[in-house]
């Protein structure tokens, strides 16, 4: 089932915040209600316990006062003592009424009713004896039975208070467990919702980031479609429009480079042929100064031809994926052939070429390997000073064959390596010449090394430039 995004990024944020916070608010509100209920129940329990305890103590005190005052009255016939008895009796009855209002069990009600009945019966006997001045005071023995009943009621009340306290403790524990279980379920749920919303927010942004990175790398073939809130989808459409525009501009650039390179080759071929004829003396014997000028024309026409070929190679690799034609090659033969192609320039600058071949045969594409070596060796020849040294070595290292090309020229500026393999980049230390380089040689070399699943890098060097090519062992399929 496909998730339907809201119409805007802000709405998605608000919806996500709401879904994440609602479970937490529910837990908080439920905990608040539970604690409020516990507080009220605790207050009621404590209040009832205090009233019950106080009433029980009043029963005991007033009963003792009633017994003492009544017995003293019948001995001394003092009305003050009888009034004390009456007041104690009233307080005793009030205490019974309070206990009956708080009694929860049938046993408590029954004992309190029995106590009230016995006390009333005794009270009537006391009143009757007072009015008749009877000498029979046997009814006063009922105080002992009433005292035992009061003790029983007080003990039962204490047990009821203990039971209520235990019940409150159980209720607190149950509430704590209930809240813990709710938190155990709802907090992970809130985190899950927050994670889901984060994913829904991050997914379109991540896809947008990937789309922008593809555009930055010049990859324009994959359409851009952002599935997200309405404003992000609109931004994705704008990015796709930008992609099509950049693709069209890139195609126009490639077409322009192909046309320009092709159109330049025709007059350049004529210039080279004419220069070769002059250099070979076909048009007549040349003076020493004329020969020098002709040599300059010849070398620079060769350089210009190489620049045009680099442009053609670059545009061809940009338009189609470089495919390898792998075969078994004698690496030293390929390197020597490239060095021999630059023999004239090497001889004119009186350069020394130092070779050390520790690798015999490799599996590679001969044409592309030749282009890689030609770009590196031509740069070394170009930038090595008069009577300088160029070193070319091959070696094996951990199932990888490597080629080192070093020179003792001016080297590269500190900031050059970061952009060294970028198209059309020209280092800051390149010497000035009649015709500058195109800045594509190292870019082409890097692309062709990558096609061989290898790496080309600029190594640290105390003088000059030191390039290392590392290519793993390949198999012919």
Protein backbone atom coordinates (compact mmCIF):
# COMPACT_ATOMS: atom_id res chain seq x y z
CA UNK A 1 0.00 0.00 0.00
CA UNK A 2 1.48 3.33 -1.09
CA UNK A 3 1.63 6.07 1.54
CA UNK A 4 -0.23 9.22 0.52
CA UNK A 5 1.91 12.21 1.45
CA UNK A 6 0.28 15.48 2.58
CA UNK A 7 0.27 18.43 0.22
CA UNK A 8 3.18 20.18 1.93
CA UNK A 9 6.31 19.45 3.93
CA UNK A 10 4.99 21.50 6.87
CA UNK A 11 1.79 19.44 7.05
CA UNK A 12 3.82 16.24 7.13
CA UNK A 13 5.86 17.64 10.02
CA UNK A 14 2.72 18.64 11.93
CA UNK A 15 1.03 15.27 11.31
CA UNK A 16 4.17 13.43 12.37
CA UNK A 17 4.50 15.56 15.51
CA UNK A 18 0.83 14.96 16.37
CA UNK A 19 1.07 11.18 15.92
CA UNK A 20 4.26 11.04 17.95
CA UNK A 21 3.06 13.26 20.82
CA UNK A 22 -0.55 12.00 21.22
CA UNK A 23 0.41 8.61 22.78
CA UNK A 24 2.73 10.39 25.22
CA UNK A 25 0.03 12.91 26.12
CA UNK A 26 -2.43 10.04 26.65
CA UNK A 27 0.02 8.31 29.02
CA UNK A 28 0.58 11.58 30.87
CA UNK A 29 -3.15 12.31 31.20
CA UNK A 30 -3.91 8.75 32.28
CA UNK A 31 -1.14 8.90 34.89
CA UNK A 32 -2.51 12.21 36.13
CA UNK A 33 -6.00 10.76 36.53
CA UNK A 34 -4.68 7.64 38.24
CA UNK A 35 -2.58 9.62 40.71
CA UNK A 36 -5.49 11.97 41.43
CA UNK A 37 -7.72 8.95 42.15
CA UNK A 38 -5.05 7.46 44.40
CA UNK A 39 -4.64 10.74 46.25
CA UNK A 40 -8.38 10.98 46.91
CA UNK A 41 -8.63 7.34 47.94
CA UNK A 42 -5.64 7.73 50.22
CA UNK A 43 -7.13 10.86 51.78
CA UNK A 44 -10.45 9.08 52.41
CA UNK A 45 -8.74 6.00 53.86
CA UNK A 46 -6.58 8.06 56.19
CA UNK A 47 -9.53 10.25 57.26
CA UNK A 48 -11.72 7.20 57.98
CA UNK A 49 -8.88 5.56 59.88
CA UNK A 50 -8.41 8.66 62.04
CA UNK A 51 -12.17 8.97 62.77
CA UNK A 52 -12.50 5.25 63.52
CA UNK A 53 -9.50 5.26 65.85
CA UNK A 54 -10.69 8.42 67.62
CA UNK A 55 -14.26 7.06 67.99
CA UNK A 56 -12.94 3.77 69.40
CA UNK A 57 -10.89 5.66 71.94
CA UNK A 58 -13.98 7.81 72.83
CA UNK A 59 -16.03 4.63 73.37
CA UNK A 60 -13.47 3.28 75.81
CA UNK A 61 -13.01 6.58 77.67
CA UNK A 62 -16.71 7.46 77.92
CA UNK A 63 -17.71 3.93 78.92
CA UNK A 64 -15.19 4.05 81.73
CA UNK A 65 -16.51 7.48 82.78
CA UNK A 66 -20.13 6.23 82.59
CA UNK A 67 -19.36 3.24 84.82
CA UNK A 68 -17.44 5.27 87.40
CA UNK A 69 -19.97 8.17 87.54
CA UNK A 70 -23.03 5.89 87.80
CA UNK A 71 -21.58 3.79 90.57
CA UNK A 72 -20.45 6.88 92.50
CA UNK A 73 -23.88 8.46 92.05
CA UNK A 74 -25.70 5.47 93.54
CA UNK A 75 -23.34 5.58 96.51
CA UNK A 76 -23.20 9.36 97.10
CA UNK A 77 -26.51 10.43 95.49
CA UNK A 78 -24.77 13.47 94.02
CA UNK A 79 -26.54 14.95 90.96
CA UNK A 80 -23.20 16.28 89.61
CA UNK A 81 -22.09 12.70 89.24
CA UNK A 82 -25.32 11.81 87.45
CA UNK A 83 -24.84 14.75 85.07
CA UNK A 84 -21.34 13.47 84.35
CA UNK A 85 -22.85 10.10 83.55
CA UNK A 86 -25.43 11.67 81.17
CA UNK A 87 -22.77 13.67 79.29
CA UNK A 88 -20.57 10.61 78.92
CA UNK A 89 -23.58 8.63 77.68
CA UNK A 90 -24.34 11.26 75.02
CA UNK A 91 -20.74 11.24 73.78
CA UNK A 92 -20.79 7.44 73.80
CA UNK A 93 -23.88 7.38 71.57
CA UNK A 94 -22.31 9.94 69.19
CA UNK A 95 -19.22 7.75 68.88
CA UNK A 96 -21.42 4.73 68.07
CA UNK A 97 -23.20 6.78 65.37
CA UNK A 98 -19.87 7.75 63.79
CA UNK A 99 -18.66 4.17 63.78
CA UNK A 100 -21.91 2.95 62.22
CA UNK A 101 -21.53 5.54 59.44
CA UNK A 102 -18.02 4.25 58.66
CA UNK A 103 -18.70 0.52 59.17
CA UNK A 104 -18.18 -1.54 55.99
CA UNK A 105 -18.84 -5.10 57.11
CA UNK A 106 -22.05 -6.73 58.43
CA UNK A 107 -20.11 -7.92 61.49
CA UNK A 108 -19.25 -4.33 62.45
CA UNK A 109 -22.87 -3.20 62.00
CA UNK A 110 -24.12 -6.11 64.09
CA UNK A 111 -21.70 -5.48 66.96
CA UNK A 112 -22.42 -1.74 66.97
CA UNK A 113 -26.19 -2.37 67.03
CA UNK A 114 -25.74 -4.84 69.87
CA UNK A 115 -23.59 -2.30 71.73
CA UNK A 116 -26.20 0.40 71.19
CA UNK A 117 -28.99 -1.93 72.45
CA UNK A 118 -27.12 -3.01 75.58
CA UNK A 119 -26.12 0.58 76.37
CA UNK A 120 -29.73 1.77 75.95
CA UNK A 121 -31.02 -1.07 78.17
CA UNK A 122 -28.45 -0.20 80.84
CA UNK A 123 -29.29 3.48 80.56
CA UNK A 124 -33.00 2.74 81.07
CA UNK A 125 -32.18 0.63 84.13
CA UNK A 126 -30.08 3.45 85.60
CA UNK A 127 -32.85 5.98 84.99
CA UNK A 128 -35.48 3.64 86.50
CA UNK A 129 -33.37 2.95 89.60
CA UNK A 130 -32.74 6.68 90.06
CA UNK A 131 -36.45 7.50 89.97
CA UNK A 132 -37.51 4.63 92.33
CA UNK A 133 -34.43 4.78 94.60
CA UNK A 134 -34.20 1.01 94.28
CA UNK A 135 -31.45 -0.70 96.24
CA UNK A 136 -31.00 -3.42 93.64
CA UNK A 137 -27.97 -2.35 91.58
CA UNK A 138 -27.23 -5.66 89.87
CA UNK A 139 -27.75 -4.10 86.46
CA UNK A 140 -24.45 -2.26 86.91
CA UNK A 141 -22.70 -5.57 86.25
CA UNK A 142 -23.66 -5.09 82.58
CA UNK A 143 -20.76 -2.62 82.29
CA UNK A 144 -18.31 -5.52 82.17
CA UNK A 145 -20.12 -7.12 79.22
CA UNK A 146 -20.35 -3.77 77.43
CA UNK A 147 -16.60 -3.19 78.05
CA UNK A 148 -15.76 -6.55 76.45
CA UNK A 149 -18.00 -5.70 73.50
CA UNK A 150 -16.30 -2.29 73.09
CA UNK A 151 -12.86 -3.97 73.14
CA UNK A 152 -14.06 -6.38 70.49
CA UNK A 153 -15.36 -3.52 68.34
CA UNK A 154 -12.09 -1.54 68.71
CA UNK A 155 -10.05 -4.60 67.73
CA UNK A 156 -12.31 -5.22 64.74
CA UNK A 157 -11.93 -1.57 63.70
CA UNK A 158 -8.17 -1.86 63.90
CA UNK A 159 -8.27 -4.91 61.67
CA UNK A 160 -10.50 -3.01 59.22
CA UNK A 161 -8.01 -0.11 59.17
CA UNK A 162 -5.16 -2.54 58.47
CA UNK A 163 -7.20 -4.14 55.66
CA UNK A 164 -7.98 -0.72 54.13
CA UNK A 165 -4.29 0.22 54.32
CA UNK A 166 -3.29 -3.05 52.64
CA UNK A 167 -5.94 -2.54 49.97
CA UNK A 168 -4.60 0.96 49.31
CA UNK A 169 -1.10 -0.44 48.96
CA UNK A 170 -2.34 -3.06 46.48
CA UNK A 171 -4.20 -0.37 44.55
CA UNK A 172 -1.01 1.73 44.33
CA UNK A 173 0.98 -1.26 43.13
CA UNK A 174 -1.70 -2.14 40.58
CA UNK A 175 -1.79 1.44 39.32
CA UNK A 176 2.00 1.53 39.05
CA UNK A 177 2.00 -1.72 37.09
CA UNK A 178 -0.79 -0.49 34.83
CA UNK A 179 1.03 2.78 34.11
CA UNK A 180 4.28 0.90 33.52
CA UNK A 181 2.58 -1.43 31.02
CA UNK A 182 1.00 1.53 29.26
CA UNK A 183 4.37 3.26 29.08
CA UNK A 184 5.99 0.03 27.90
CA UNK A 185 3.54 -0.11 24.99
CA UNK A 186 2.88 3.52 24.15
CA UNK A 187 6.39 5.00 24.46
CA UNK A 188 7.87 2.49 21.95
CA UNK A 189 4.78 3.14 19.81
CA UNK A 190 5.51 6.87 19.93
CA UNK A 191 9.16 6.19 19.06
CA UNK A 192 8.03 3.92 16.22
CA UNK A 193 5.74 6.61 14.88
CA UNK A 194 8.55 9.18 15.19
CA UNK A 195 10.88 6.80 13.35
CA UNK A 196 8.32 6.22 10.61
CA UNK A 197 7.77 9.95 10.16
CA UNK A 198 11.54 10.51 10.12
CA UNK A 199 11.84 7.85 7.42
CA UNK A 200 9.04 9.44 5.41
CA UNK A 201 10.80 12.81 5.73
CA UNK A 202 14.28 11.48 5.04
CA UNK A 203 13.40 9.30 2.05
CA UNK A 204 12.47 12.11 -0.39
CA UNK A 205 15.33 14.27 0.88
CA UNK A 206 17.76 11.38 0.41
CA UNK A 207 16.46 10.78 -3.11
CA UNK A 208 16.79 14.47 -3.84
CA UNK A 209 20.35 14.45 -2.54
CA UNK A 210 21.15 11.45 -4.75
CA UNK A 211 19.57 13.19 -7.75
CA UNK A 212 21.66 16.32 -7.16
CA UNK A 213 24.82 14.24 -6.82
CA UNK A 214 24.04 12.46 -10.11
CA UNK A 215 23.58 15.84 -11.76
CA UNK A 216 26.89 16.99 -10.31
CA UNK A 217 28.60 13.92 -11.78
CA UNK A 218 27.08 14.58 -15.19
CA UNK A 219 24.72 11.58 -15.11
CA UNK A 220 21.63 12.85 -16.90
CA UNK A 221 19.98 9.64 -18.20
CA UNK A 222 18.03 8.65 -15.07
CA UNK A 223 14.73 10.61 -14.70
CA UNK A 224 14.22 12.36 -11.37
CA UNK A 225 10.97 11.57 -9.55
CA UNK A 226 10.61 12.58 -5.89
CA UNK A 227 7.81 10.81 -4.00
CA UNK A 228 7.02 13.04 -1.05
CA UNK A 229 5.01 16.07 0.09
CA UNK A 230 3.61 18.29 -2.63
CA UNK A 231 6.29 20.98 -2.42
CA UNK A 232 9.07 18.37 -2.55
CA UNK A 233 7.43 16.67 -5.53
CA UNK A 234 7.32 20.07 -7.23
CA UNK A 235 11.00 20.56 -6.44
CA UNK A 236 11.69 17.11 -7.91
CA UNK A 237 9.93 18.17 -11.11
CA UNK A 238 12.12 21.28 -11.24
CA UNK A 239 15.21 19.10 -10.79
CA UNK A 240 14.06 16.80 -13.59
CA UNK A 241 13.56 19.86 -15.81
CA UNK A 242 17.10 20.95 -14.90
CA UNK A 243 18.34 17.44 -15.73
CA UNK A 244 16.84 17.55 -19.22
CA UNK A 245 18.27 21.02 -19.80
CA UNK A 246 21.73 19.94 -18.63
CA UNK A 247 21.52 16.80 -20.75
CA UNK A 248 20.68 18.87 -23.80
CA UNK A 249 23.54 21.29 -23.06
CA UNK A 250 25.92 18.35 -22.55
CA UNK A 251 24.87 16.78 -25.85
CA UNK A 252 25.37 20.11 -27.58
CA UNK A 253 28.82 20.39 -25.99
CA UNK A 254 29.76 16.89 -27.13
CA UNK A 255 28.50 17.60 -30.62
CA UNK A 256 30.39 20.88 -30.72
CA UNK A 257 33.62 19.24 -29.57
CA UNK A 258 33.24 16.44 -32.11
CA UNK A 259 32.57 18.86 -34.93
CA UNK A 260 35.37 21.25 -33.97
CA UNK A 261 37.87 18.42 -33.50
CA UNK A 262 36.90 16.85 -36.79
CA UNK A 263 37.02 20.14 -38.68
CA UNK A 264 40.43 20.97 -37.21
CA UNK A 265 41.94 17.66 -38.26
CA UNK A 266 41.51 18.35 -41.99
CA UNK A 267 43.59 21.57 -42.20
CA UNK A 268 45.99 20.22 -39.57
CA UNK A 269 46.70 17.16 -41.73
CA UNK A 270 47.58 19.45 -44.62
CA UNK A 271 49.84 21.54 -42.37
CA UNK A 272 51.59 18.43 -41.08
CA UNK A 273 52.12 17.02 -44.55
CA UNK A 274 53.50 20.32 -45.79
CA UNK A 275 55.76 20.62 -42.75
CA UNK A 276 57.06 17.07 -43.24
CA UNK A 277 57.83 17.85 -46.91
CA UNK A 278 59.75 20.98 -45.90
CA UNK A 279 61.51 19.08 -43.09
CA UNK A 280 62.57 16.31 -45.53
CA UNK A 281 63.94 18.89 -47.97
CA UNK A 282 61.48 18.14 -50.77
CA UNK A 283 61.07 21.85 -51.52
CA UNK A 284 64.78 22.46 -51.53
CA UNK A 285 67.65 22.54 -49.14
CA UNK A 286 66.88 24.53 -45.99
CA UNK A 287 69.26 26.76 -44.13
CA UNK A 288 70.01 26.09 -40.50
CA UNK A 289 67.57 28.81 -39.38
CA UNK A 290 64.86 27.52 -41.76
CA UNK A 291 65.38 23.97 -40.47
CA UNK A 292 64.95 25.19 -36.88
CA UNK A 293 61.72 27.01 -37.77
CA UNK A 294 60.46 23.94 -39.67
CA UNK A 295 61.25 21.76 -36.65
CA UNK A 296 59.24 24.07 -34.40
CA UNK A 297 56.30 23.87 -36.84
CA UNK A 298 56.59 20.10 -37.00
CA UNK A 299 56.70 19.56 -33.20
CA UNK A 300 53.84 21.91 -32.51
CA UNK A 301 51.68 20.45 -35.28
CA UNK A 302 52.25 17.03 -33.67
CA UNK A 303 51.27 18.50 -30.30
CA UNK A 304 48.17 20.10 -31.79
CA UNK A 305 47.24 16.80 -33.40
CA UNK A 306 47.55 15.06 -30.04
CA UNK A 307 45.32 17.69 -28.42
CA UNK A 308 42.68 17.17 -31.10
CA UNK A 309 42.91 13.40 -30.70
CA UNK A 310 42.45 13.85 -26.93
CA UNK A 311 39.33 15.89 -27.58
CA UNK A 312 38.00 13.18 -29.88
CA UNK A 313 38.84 10.44 -27.37
CA UNK A 314 37.22 12.41 -24.55
CA UNK A 315 34.00 13.05 -26.45
CA UNK A 316 33.89 9.42 -27.55
CA UNK A 317 34.27 8.17 -23.97
CA UNK A 318 31.68 10.67 -22.75
CA UNK A 319 29.13 9.48 -25.27
CA UNK A 320 29.66 5.68 -25.01
CA UNK A 321 30.93 3.45 -22.26
CA UNK A 322 34.57 2.44 -22.71
CA UNK A 323 34.65 -1.25 -23.64
CA UNK A 324 37.84 -3.25 -23.30
CA UNK A 325 39.32 -5.63 -25.84
CA UNK A 326 41.49 -7.69 -23.53
CA UNK A 327 44.50 -9.61 -24.80
CA UNK A 328 47.84 -10.85 -23.54
CA UNK A 329 50.47 -8.15 -24.00
CA UNK A 330 54.20 -7.81 -23.53
CA UNK A 331 54.17 -4.72 -21.30
CA UNK A 332 57.75 -3.70 -22.09
CA UNK A 333 56.99 -3.74 -25.83
CA UNK A 334 53.98 -1.44 -25.38
CA UNK A 335 56.00 0.99 -23.22
CA UNK A 336 58.97 1.02 -25.61
CA UNK A 337 56.63 1.70 -28.55
CA UNK A 338 55.22 4.75 -26.74
CA UNK A 339 58.71 5.99 -25.84
CA UNK A 340 59.83 5.53 -29.45
CA UNK A 341 56.89 7.68 -30.63
CA UNK A 342 58.44 10.57 -28.69
CA UNK A 343 62.00 9.83 -29.81
CA UNK A 344 62.42 13.11 -31.72
CA UNK A 345 61.41 15.27 -28.75
CA UNK A 346 63.55 13.16 -26.41
CA UNK A 347 66.56 13.54 -28.71
CA UNK A 348 66.08 17.28 -29.17
CA UNK A 349 65.91 17.87 -25.38
CA UNK A 350 68.74 15.37 -24.78
CA UNK A 351 66.60 13.54 -22.20
CA UNK A 352 67.73 10.34 -20.46
CA UNK A 353 65.15 7.52 -20.31
CA UNK A 354 65.60 5.04 -17.48
CA UNK A 355 63.54 1.84 -17.73
CA UNK A 356 63.25 -1.07 -15.33
CA UNK A 357 60.79 -3.78 -16.37
CA UNK A 358 59.88 -6.35 -13.70
CA UNK A 359 56.60 -7.37 -15.36
CA UNK A 360 56.64 -9.46 -18.51
CA UNK A 361 53.08 -10.10 -19.75
CA UNK A 362 49.74 -8.58 -18.70
CA UNK A 363 46.10 -8.80 -19.72
CA UNK A 364 44.90 -5.41 -21.00
CA UNK A 365 43.44 -3.48 -23.93
CA UNK A 366 46.48 -2.54 -26.04
CA UNK A 367 44.95 0.55 -27.66
CA UNK A 368 43.72 2.00 -24.38
CA UNK A 369 46.89 1.11 -22.49
CA UNK A 370 48.88 2.86 -25.23
CA UNK A 371 46.73 6.01 -24.81
CA UNK A 372 47.27 5.93 -21.03
CA UNK A 373 51.06 5.62 -21.36
CA UNK A 374 51.23 8.16 -24.19
CA UNK A 375 49.48 10.81 -22.09
CA UNK A 376 51.79 10.25 -19.10
CA UNK A 377 55.04 9.95 -21.08
CA UNK A 378 54.20 12.92 -23.34
CA UNK A 379 53.61 15.07 -20.22
CA UNK A 380 56.90 13.87 -18.76
CA UNK A 381 58.76 14.71 -22.01
CA UNK A 382 57.04 18.10 -22.23
CA UNK A 383 57.79 19.25 -18.69
CA UNK A 384 61.21 17.67 -18.10
CA UNK A 385 63.96 20.30 -18.54
CA UNK A 386 66.82 20.06 -21.03
CA UNK A 387 69.06 17.03 -20.34
CA UNK A 388 66.57 15.84 -17.69
CA UNK A 389 65.69 12.31 -16.59
CA UNK A 390 62.50 10.30 -17.11
CA UNK A 391 62.04 6.99 -15.31
CA UNK A 392 59.56 4.26 -16.33
CA UNK A 393 59.32 1.14 -14.14
CA UNK A 394 56.98 -1.83 -13.89
CA UNK A 395 56.47 -4.07 -10.85
CA UNK A 396 54.12 -6.55 -9.19
CA UNK A 397 52.53 -5.91 -5.81
CA UNK A 398 49.76 -8.04 -4.25
CA UNK A 399 48.20 -9.47 -7.40
CA UNK A 400 48.43 -6.05 -9.07
CA UNK A 401 50.81 -4.90 -11.79
CA UNK A 402 51.99 -1.33 -11.52
CA UNK A 403 53.68 1.25 -13.75
CA UNK A 404 55.65 4.19 -12.32
CA UNK A 405 56.31 7.22 -14.52
CA UNK A 406 58.59 9.84 -12.95
CA UNK A 407 60.32 12.97 -14.20
CA UNK A 408 62.51 15.66 -12.67
CA UNK A 409 60.55 18.60 -14.06
CA UNK A 410 58.92 21.46 -12.12
CA UNK A 411 56.29 19.17 -10.60
CA UNK A 412 52.83 20.33 -9.57
CA UNK A 413 51.66 23.15 -7.35
CA UNK A 414 50.28 22.23 -3.91
CA UNK A 415 46.67 22.71 -4.99
CA UNK A 416 46.98 20.79 -8.27
CA UNK A 417 46.41 17.18 -7.08
CA UNK A 418 42.84 17.87 -5.91
CA UNK A 419 41.77 18.82 -9.46
CA UNK A 420 44.46 17.06 -11.43
CA UNK A 421 42.19 14.58 -13.22
CA UNK A 422 39.30 17.01 -13.86
CA UNK A 423 38.47 17.71 -17.53
CA UNK A 424 40.15 20.80 -19.04
CA UNK A 425 42.13 21.46 -15.87
CA UNK A 426 45.63 22.80 -16.43
CA UNK A 427 48.09 22.91 -13.58
CA UNK A 428 49.59 26.15 -12.28
CA UNK A 429 53.17 25.11 -12.95
CA UNK A 430 52.84 24.26 -16.65
CA UNK A 431 55.47 26.05 -18.69
CA UNK A 432 54.32 28.41 -21.38
CA UNK A 433 54.56 27.24 -24.97
CA UNK A 434 53.32 28.26 -28.38
CA UNK A 435 50.40 25.84 -28.04
CA UNK A 436 49.09 24.97 -24.59
CA UNK A 437 47.69 21.60 -23.58
CA UNK A 438 43.96 20.81 -23.65
CA UNK A 439 43.87 19.60 -20.05
CA UNK A 440 42.27 16.30 -21.10
CA UNK A 441 45.23 13.92 -21.14
CA UNK A 442 45.09 12.92 -17.47
CA UNK A 443 41.26 12.82 -17.52
CA UNK A 444 41.35 10.35 -20.42
CA UNK A 445 44.11 8.33 -18.72
CA UNK A 446 42.08 8.12 -15.50
CA UNK A 447 38.91 7.01 -17.33
CA UNK A 448 40.79 4.29 -19.23
CA UNK A 449 42.55 3.07 -16.07
CA UNK A 450 39.14 2.93 -14.34
CA UNK A 451 37.87 0.86 -17.28
CA UNK A 452 40.64 -1.63 -16.43
CA UNK A 453 39.36 -1.61 -12.78
CA UNK A 454 42.57 0.11 -11.79
CA UNK A 455 43.73 3.29 -10.08
CA UNK A 456 45.97 6.13 -11.19
CA UNK A 457 47.34 8.55 -8.65
CA UNK A 458 49.96 11.20 -8.13
CA UNK A 459 52.54 10.02 -5.61
CA UNK A 460 54.63 12.26 -3.38
CA UNK A 461 57.92 13.24 -4.95
CA UNK A 462 60.78 15.47 -3.87
CA UNK A 463 61.21 16.70 -7.46
CA UNK A 464 59.05 16.48 -10.54
CA UNK A 465 55.87 14.46 -10.98
CA UNK A 466 55.47 10.79 -10.06
CA UNK A 467 52.40 8.96 -11.41
CA UNK A 468 51.54 5.39 -10.39
CA UNK A 469 49.18 3.16 -12.37
CA UNK A 470 47.81 0.12 -10.50
CA UNK A 471 45.78 -2.46 -12.45
CA UNK A 472 44.65 -5.82 -11.03
CA UNK A 473 45.09 -9.10 -12.89
CA UNK A 474 42.29 -9.44 -15.43
CA UNK A 475 41.01 -12.49 -17.27
CA UNK A 476 40.10 -12.80 -20.94
CA UNK A 477 36.46 -13.85 -21.22
